[in-house]
Structures are given as structure tokens and as C-alpha cells.
């Protein structure tokens, strides 16, 4: 510790070590609080009135190849949930999304698609009461059609904290629907 570079290195090491320890404590306290609030079993969610529509799209942005029509599906749904327990002093925002999982072509495989999402940045906006909400996204399958397949719908979320990793979870509210057939012209 007799020259300037040794002193700068020692001070830098001390600062880095302190930062890592404080970050670890913040992450640990955040996880403890979320477990205490039991956010992984939010049972106040209701998903209902799911209506599926299907159409043919000719654009590559909707899965079409060489302008051949591709079947696309959208849904309309009702959701009621209270996500306020997901917010604490370390929550920057919560990303909420409605997914549908359905069986794939091969046995034992399943596919998952996202129909709707929302970013919630404030605790006062965390109570969702959506009626006849249209899905944001039109989805398509690698196979030719969704026709007649059953899908299970879940409301999933992830917490983006100010400090720490993303925290993922899903609500207990689950519903199902059958994909619609494309209306004949």
C-alpha cells in the first residue's frame, strides 16, 4: 500500500465487494417478502367467456410462406384479477400476459402462444377488470391449422425489480376453449 495504484485497487475492490453484498441482500429480502405475501398462489383470478375467431392471412408477417394463406387465430376474453401483492419496494414493473397451451402434432409435445399482454408500472393499476377484451396478437401454428384443438388459458406474470433477476409466476385462474374454424366464404 505504498503507491497510488495499490490504494486505488484496494478501494475499488472494497467498493465492488460492498456493492455485490448489498445487491445480494436486496434480492434476498425481495424474495422473502414475495414468499411471505404468497404471490405464487394468487387465487383471485377469473378468466372466462373466451371466444376464438380464425381467419386466413396472406402476409409473411402472419406466418404465410409464398403468399399461401395461413390460418390465424385471435381470442376475446374476460379477466378479473388483483395483482397488487406483486408490488413491493423493489418492483419496477409487472409484465402480465395471457397464454394458451395446446397439444402439438407429436405425442407428448405442447405449444404455447401469447394472445395478450400488458405492462403495469404502478400498484394502483394492478387490479384488472377486463370485459370483452380482444387479444393483441394474431397467432398461427407451424402446422396447417388449429382447427378443433383444445387450449388451456393462463394468466402469467413476471416482476421486473429495480435490483435483482426477473421473477416469474402464474395465477391460479385457468380456463379452456376450442380453437374456431375459419369461416367459409
C-alpha atoms as a PDB file:
ATOM      1  CA  UNK A   1       0.000   0.000   0.000  1.00  0.00           C
ATOM      2  CA  UNK A   2       2.877   2.327  -0.671  1.00  0.00           C
ATOM      3  CA  UNK A   3       1.876   3.623  -4.077  1.00  0.00           C
ATOM      4  CA  UNK A   4      -1.241   5.197  -5.582  1.00  0.00           C
ATOM      5  CA  UNK A   5      -2.207   2.251  -7.838  1.00  0.00           C
ATOM      6  CA  UNK A   6      -2.310  -0.158  -4.879  1.00  0.00           C
ATOM      7  CA  UNK A   7      -4.548   2.206  -2.930  1.00  0.00           C
ATOM      8  CA  UNK A   8      -6.927   2.689  -5.904  1.00  0.00           C
ATOM      9  CA  UNK A   9      -7.097  -1.080  -6.420  1.00  0.00           C
ATOM     10  CA  UNK A  10      -7.848  -1.707  -2.725  1.00  0.00           C
ATOM     11  CA  UNK A  11     -10.559   0.973  -2.676  1.00  0.00           C
ATOM     12  CA  UNK A  12     -12.087  -0.412  -5.904  1.00  0.00           C
ATOM     13  CA  UNK A  13     -12.124  -3.964  -4.544  1.00  0.00           C
ATOM     14  CA  UNK A  14     -13.783  -2.765  -1.338  1.00  0.00           C
ATOM     15  CA  UNK A  15     -16.450  -0.844  -3.298  1.00  0.00           C
ATOM     16  CA  UNK A  16     -17.153  -3.783  -5.626  1.00  0.00           C
ATOM     17  CA  UNK A  17     -17.402  -6.272  -2.765  1.00  0.00           C
ATOM     18  CA  UNK A  18     -19.737  -3.970  -0.836  1.00  0.00           C
ATOM     19  CA  UNK A  19     -21.953  -3.484  -3.924  1.00  0.00           C
ATOM     20  CA  UNK A  20     -22.244  -7.234  -4.511  1.00  0.00           C
ATOM     21  CA  UNK A  21     -23.105  -7.899  -0.860  1.00  0.00           C
ATOM     22  CA  UNK A  22     -25.753  -5.136  -0.780  1.00  0.00           C
ATOM     23  CA  UNK A  23     -27.268  -6.389  -4.059  1.00  0.00           C
ATOM     24  CA  UNK A  24     -27.439  -9.926  -2.652  1.00  0.00           C
ATOM     25  CA  UNK A  25     -29.170  -8.678   0.500  1.00  0.00           C
ATOM     26  CA  UNK A  26     -31.725  -6.698  -1.552  1.00  0.00           C
ATOM     27  CA  UNK A  27     -32.516  -9.731  -3.750  1.00  0.00           C
ATOM     28  CA  UNK A  28     -32.854 -11.985  -0.705  1.00  0.00           C
ATOM     29  CA  UNK A  29     -35.151  -9.538   1.116  1.00  0.00           C
ATOM     30  CA  UNK A  30     -37.307  -9.151  -2.007  1.00  0.00           C
ATOM     31  CA  UNK A  31     -37.736 -12.930  -2.370  1.00  0.00           C
ATOM     32  CA  UNK A  32     -38.516 -13.330   1.334  1.00  0.00           C
ATOM     33  CA  UNK A  33     -41.207 -10.651   1.104  1.00  0.00           C
ATOM     34  CA  UNK A  34     -42.747 -12.228  -2.013  1.00  0.00           C
ATOM     35  CA  UNK A  35     -42.835 -15.665  -0.330  1.00  0.00           C
ATOM     36  CA  UNK A  36     -44.343 -14.097   2.795  1.00  0.00           C
ATOM     37  CA  UNK A  37     -47.058 -12.471   0.656  1.00  0.00           C
ATOM     38  CA  UNK A  38     -47.603 -15.855  -1.090  1.00  0.00           C
ATOM     39  CA  UNK A  39     -47.603 -14.352  -4.586  1.00  0.00           C
ATOM     40  CA  UNK A  40     -47.106 -17.733  -6.272  1.00  0.00           C
ATOM     41  CA  UNK A  41     -50.665 -18.749  -5.428  1.00  0.00           C
ATOM     42  CA  UNK A  42     -52.760 -15.744  -6.426  1.00  0.00           C
ATOM     43  CA  UNK A  43     -56.209 -17.321  -6.389  1.00  0.00           C
ATOM     44  CA  UNK A  44     -58.276 -14.225  -7.115  1.00  0.00           C
ATOM     45  CA  UNK A  45     -58.047 -14.606 -10.881  1.00  0.00           C
ATOM     46  CA  UNK A  46     -61.060 -15.301 -13.068  1.00  0.00           C
ATOM     47  CA  UNK A  47     -60.664 -15.989 -16.793  1.00  0.00           C
ATOM     48  CA  UNK A  48     -63.947 -16.536 -18.635  1.00  0.00           C
ATOM     49  CA  UNK A  49     -66.031 -16.028 -21.790  1.00  0.00           C
ATOM     50  CA  UNK A  50     -63.238 -16.991 -24.166  1.00  0.00           C
ATOM     51  CA  UNK A  51     -64.299 -16.724 -27.797  1.00  0.00           C
ATOM     52  CA  UNK A  52     -61.974 -17.799 -30.573  1.00  0.00           C
ATOM     53  CA  UNK A  53     -62.038 -16.483 -34.141  1.00  0.00           C
ATOM     54  CA  UNK A  54     -59.994 -17.662 -37.084  1.00  0.00           C
ATOM     55  CA  UNK A  55     -59.125 -16.174 -40.461  1.00  0.00           C
ATOM     56  CA  UNK A  56     -56.803 -16.687 -43.406  1.00  0.00           C
ATOM     57  CA  UNK A  57     -53.843 -14.304 -43.721  1.00  0.00           C
ATOM     58  CA  UNK A  58     -51.655 -13.955 -46.817  1.00  0.00           C
ATOM     59  CA  UNK A  59     -48.816 -11.850 -45.363  1.00  0.00           C
ATOM     60  CA  UNK A  60     -45.463 -13.266 -44.237  1.00  0.00           C
ATOM     61  CA  UNK A  61     -45.983 -11.259 -41.036  1.00  0.00           C
ATOM     62  CA  UNK A  62     -48.779 -13.670 -40.179  1.00  0.00           C
ATOM     63  CA  UNK A  63     -46.941 -16.904 -40.954  1.00  0.00           C
ATOM     64  CA  UNK A  64     -47.670 -17.110 -44.679  1.00  0.00           C
ATOM     65  CA  UNK A  65     -44.998 -18.547 -46.957  1.00  0.00           C
ATOM     66  CA  UNK A  66     -45.003 -17.649 -50.676  1.00  0.00           C
ATOM     67  CA  UNK A  67     -48.345 -15.840 -50.236  1.00  0.00           C
ATOM     68  CA  UNK A  68     -50.113 -19.112 -49.420  1.00  0.00           C
ATOM     69  CA  UNK A  69     -52.851 -18.425 -46.873  1.00  0.00           C
ATOM     70  CA  UNK A  70     -52.086 -19.261 -43.254  1.00  0.00           C
ATOM     71  CA  UNK A  71     -54.743 -19.826 -40.611  1.00  0.00           C
ATOM     72  CA  UNK A  72     -54.533 -17.242 -37.813  1.00  0.00           C
ATOM     73  CA  UNK A  73     -56.443 -17.226 -34.553  1.00  0.00           C
ATOM     74  CA  UNK A  74     -57.430 -14.439 -32.149  1.00  0.00           C
ATOM     75  CA  UNK A  75     -59.453 -14.539 -28.958  1.00  0.00           C
ATOM     76  CA  UNK A  76     -61.760 -12.345 -26.925  1.00  0.00           C
ATOM     77  CA  UNK A  77     -61.928 -12.889 -23.157  1.00  0.00           C
ATOM     78  CA  UNK A  78     -62.846 -11.564 -19.708  1.00  0.00           C
ATOM     79  CA  UNK A  79     -60.234 -11.326 -16.933  1.00  0.00           C
ATOM     80  CA  UNK A  80     -60.614 -10.237 -13.343  1.00  0.00           C
ATOM     81  CA  UNK A  81     -57.588 -10.302 -11.059  1.00  0.00           C
ATOM     82  CA  UNK A  82     -55.804  -8.423  -8.311  1.00  0.00           C
ATOM     83  CA  UNK A  83     -52.039  -8.268  -8.844  1.00  0.00           C
ATOM     84  CA  UNK A  84     -51.289  -5.756  -6.072  1.00  0.00           C
ATOM     85  CA  UNK A  85     -49.417  -8.373  -3.951  1.00  0.00           C
ATOM     86  CA  UNK A  86     -46.763  -8.457  -6.707  1.00  0.00           C
ATOM     87  CA  UNK A  87     -45.765  -4.874  -5.935  1.00  0.00           C
ATOM     88  CA  UNK A  88     -43.292  -4.043  -3.183  1.00  0.00           C
ATOM     89  CA  UNK A  89     -40.494  -1.537  -2.626  1.00  0.00           C
ATOM     90  CA  UNK A  90     -38.255  -3.271  -5.209  1.00  0.00           C
ATOM     91  CA  UNK A  91     -40.836  -3.665  -8.022  1.00  0.00           C
ATOM     92  CA  UNK A  92     -40.188  -1.534 -11.078  1.00  0.00           C
ATOM     93  CA  UNK A  93     -42.976  -3.019 -13.201  1.00  0.00           C
ATOM     94  CA  UNK A  94     -45.027  -6.169 -13.679  1.00  0.00           C
ATOM     95  CA  UNK A  95     -45.448  -7.740 -17.107  1.00  0.00           C
ATOM     96  CA  UNK A  96     -48.743  -9.668 -17.374  1.00  0.00           C
ATOM     97  CA  UNK A  97     -49.615 -11.905 -20.305  1.00  0.00           C
ATOM     98  CA  UNK A  98     -52.379 -14.315 -21.286  1.00  0.00           C
ATOM     99  CA  UNK A  99     -51.101 -17.565 -22.761  1.00  0.00           C
ATOM    100  CA  UNK A 100     -52.779 -20.564 -24.324  1.00  0.00           C
ATOM    101  CA  UNK A 101     -51.195 -24.006 -24.283  1.00  0.00           C
ATOM    102  CA  UNK A 102     -52.397 -26.674 -26.684  1.00  0.00           C
ATOM    103  CA  UNK A 103     -51.209 -30.123 -27.795  1.00  0.00           C
ATOM    104  CA  UNK A 104     -48.655 -30.370 -30.576  1.00  0.00           C
ATOM    105  CA  UNK A 105     -48.558 -32.739 -33.512  1.00  0.00           C
ATOM    106  CA  UNK A 106     -46.264 -35.307 -31.929  1.00  0.00           C
ATOM    107  CA  UNK A 107     -47.337 -37.173 -28.827  1.00  0.00           C
ATOM    108  CA  UNK A 108     -46.268 -35.563 -25.573  1.00  0.00           C
ATOM    109  CA  UNK A 109     -45.470 -32.195 -27.138  1.00  0.00           C
ATOM    110  CA  UNK A 110     -47.287 -28.973 -26.433  1.00  0.00           C
ATOM    111  CA  UNK A 111     -47.255 -25.472 -27.874  1.00  0.00           C
ATOM    112  CA  UNK A 112     -47.665 -22.192 -26.034  1.00  0.00           C
ATOM    113  CA  UNK A 113     -48.741 -18.874 -27.563  1.00  0.00           C
ATOM    114  CA  UNK A 114     -49.346 -15.404 -26.137  1.00  0.00           C
ATOM    115  CA  UNK A 115     -52.589 -13.651 -27.072  1.00  0.00           C
ATOM    116  CA  UNK A 116     -52.427 -10.544 -24.872  1.00  0.00           C
ATOM    117  CA  UNK A 117     -50.016  -8.673 -22.617  1.00  0.00           C
ATOM    118  CA  UNK A 118     -49.768  -5.541 -20.510  1.00  0.00           C
ATOM    119  CA  UNK A 119     -47.067  -3.721 -18.570  1.00  0.00           C
ATOM    120  CA  UNK A 120     -48.220  -2.448 -15.176  1.00  0.00           C
ATOM    121  CA  UNK A 121     -45.950   0.208 -13.691  1.00  0.00           C
ATOM    122  CA  UNK A 122     -47.983   1.280 -10.664  1.00  0.00           C
ATOM    123  CA  UNK A 123     -49.679  -0.627  -7.851  1.00  0.00           C
ATOM    124  CA  UNK A 124     -52.911   1.359  -8.298  1.00  0.00           C
ATOM    125  CA  UNK A 125     -53.242  -0.071 -11.836  1.00  0.00           C
ATOM    126  CA  UNK A 126     -52.711  -3.673 -10.694  1.00  0.00           C
ATOM    127  CA  UNK A 127     -56.391  -4.585 -10.382  1.00  0.00           C
ATOM    128  CA  UNK A 128     -57.519  -5.792 -13.810  1.00  0.00           C
ATOM    129  CA  UNK A 129     -61.200  -5.974 -14.694  1.00  0.00           C
ATOM    130  CA  UNK A 130     -61.333  -6.554 -18.437  1.00  0.00           C
ATOM    131  CA  UNK A 131     -64.580  -7.413 -20.188  1.00  0.00           C
ATOM    132  CA  UNK A 132     -64.747  -8.494 -23.839  1.00  0.00           C
ATOM    133  CA  UNK A 133     -61.028  -7.738 -24.168  1.00  0.00           C
ATOM    134  CA  UNK A 134     -59.639  -8.550 -27.592  1.00  0.00           C
ATOM    135  CA  UNK A 135     -56.307 -10.296 -27.819  1.00  0.00           C
ATOM    136  CA  UNK A 136     -53.445  -8.108 -29.052  1.00  0.00           C
ATOM    137  CA  UNK A 137     -51.835 -10.787 -31.145  1.00  0.00           C
ATOM    138  CA  UNK A 138     -52.938 -12.959 -34.020  1.00  0.00           C
ATOM    139  CA  UNK A 139     -51.236 -16.341 -33.663  1.00  0.00           C
ATOM    140  CA  UNK A 140     -50.549 -19.191 -36.045  1.00  0.00           C
ATOM    141  CA  UNK A 141     -49.224 -22.698 -35.705  1.00  0.00           C
ATOM    142  CA  UNK A 142     -46.397 -24.415 -37.552  1.00  0.00           C
ATOM    143  CA  UNK A 143     -48.973 -26.943 -38.645  1.00  0.00           C
ATOM    144  CA  UNK A 144     -51.604 -26.026 -41.195  1.00  0.00           C
ATOM    145  CA  UNK A 145     -54.465 -25.474 -38.778  1.00  0.00           C
ATOM    146  CA  UNK A 146     -55.551 -25.066 -35.151  1.00  0.00           C
ATOM    147  CA  UNK A 147     -58.947 -26.433 -36.070  1.00  0.00           C
ATOM    148  CA  UNK A 148     -60.719 -28.280 -33.262  1.00  0.00           C
ATOM    149  CA  UNK A 149     -57.808 -28.292 -30.805  1.00  0.00           C
ATOM    150  CA  UNK A 150     -58.445 -27.537 -27.160  1.00  0.00           C
ATOM    151  CA  UNK A 151     -56.290 -24.928 -25.423  1.00  0.00           C
ATOM    152  CA  UNK A 152     -55.743 -24.145 -21.752  1.00  0.00           C
ATOM    153  CA  UNK A 153     -55.514 -20.434 -20.940  1.00  0.00           C
ATOM    154  CA  UNK A 154     -53.470 -18.990 -18.061  1.00  0.00           C
ATOM    155  CA  UNK A 155     -52.612 -15.509 -16.882  1.00  0.00           C
ATOM    156  CA  UNK A 156     -48.866 -15.392 -16.303  1.00  0.00           C
ATOM    157  CA  UNK A 157     -46.667 -12.606 -14.924  1.00  0.00           C
ATOM    158  CA  UNK A 158     -43.126 -11.590 -14.263  1.00  0.00           C
ATOM    159  CA  UNK A 159     -41.805  -8.960 -11.920  1.00  0.00           C
ATOM    160  CA  UNK A 160     -39.026  -6.695 -13.106  1.00  0.00           C
ATOM    161  CA  UNK A 161     -37.314  -5.439  -9.945  1.00  0.00           C
ATOM    162  CA  UNK A 162     -35.091  -2.403  -9.618  1.00  0.00           C
ATOM    163  CA  UNK A 163     -32.345  -4.716  -8.361  1.00  0.00           C
ATOM    164  CA  UNK A 164     -32.209  -8.463  -8.998  1.00  0.00           C
ATOM    165  CA  UNK A 165     -33.381 -11.061 -11.503  1.00  0.00           C
ATOM    166  CA  UNK A 166     -36.794 -11.314 -13.189  1.00  0.00           C
ATOM    167  CA  UNK A 167     -39.274 -13.272 -11.084  1.00  0.00           C
ATOM    168  CA  UNK A 168     -41.792 -15.422 -12.986  1.00  0.00           C
ATOM    169  CA  UNK A 169     -45.137 -16.860 -11.919  1.00  0.00           C
ATOM    170  CA  UNK A 170     -48.702 -17.561 -12.940  1.00  0.00           C
ATOM    171  CA  UNK A 171     -52.112 -17.090 -11.404  1.00  0.00           C
ATOM    172  CA  UNK A 172     -54.376 -19.918 -10.295  1.00  0.00           C
ATOM    173  CA  UNK A 173     -57.221 -18.909 -12.641  1.00  0.00           C
ATOM    174  CA  UNK A 174     -57.327 -21.277 -15.606  1.00  0.00           C
ATOM    175  CA  UNK A 175     -59.905 -21.714 -18.363  1.00  0.00           C
ATOM    176  CA  UNK A 176     -60.012 -23.573 -21.667  1.00  0.00           C
ATOM    177  CA  UNK A 177     -61.505 -23.159 -25.117  1.00  0.00           C
ATOM    178  CA  UNK A 178     -61.551 -24.825 -28.518  1.00  0.00           C
ATOM    179  CA  UNK A 179     -59.947 -23.080 -31.484  1.00  0.00           C
ATOM    180  CA  UNK A 180     -62.529 -21.918 -34.028  1.00  0.00           C
ATOM    181  CA  UNK A 181     -62.618 -22.987 -37.642  1.00  0.00           C
ATOM    182  CA  UNK A 182     -62.080 -20.438 -40.388  1.00  0.00           C
ATOM    183  CA  UNK A 183     -65.398 -19.120 -41.676  1.00  0.00           C
ATOM    184  CA  UNK A 184     -66.085 -20.244 -45.236  1.00  0.00           C
ATOM    185  CA  UNK A 185     -66.569 -17.519 -47.823  1.00  0.00           C
END
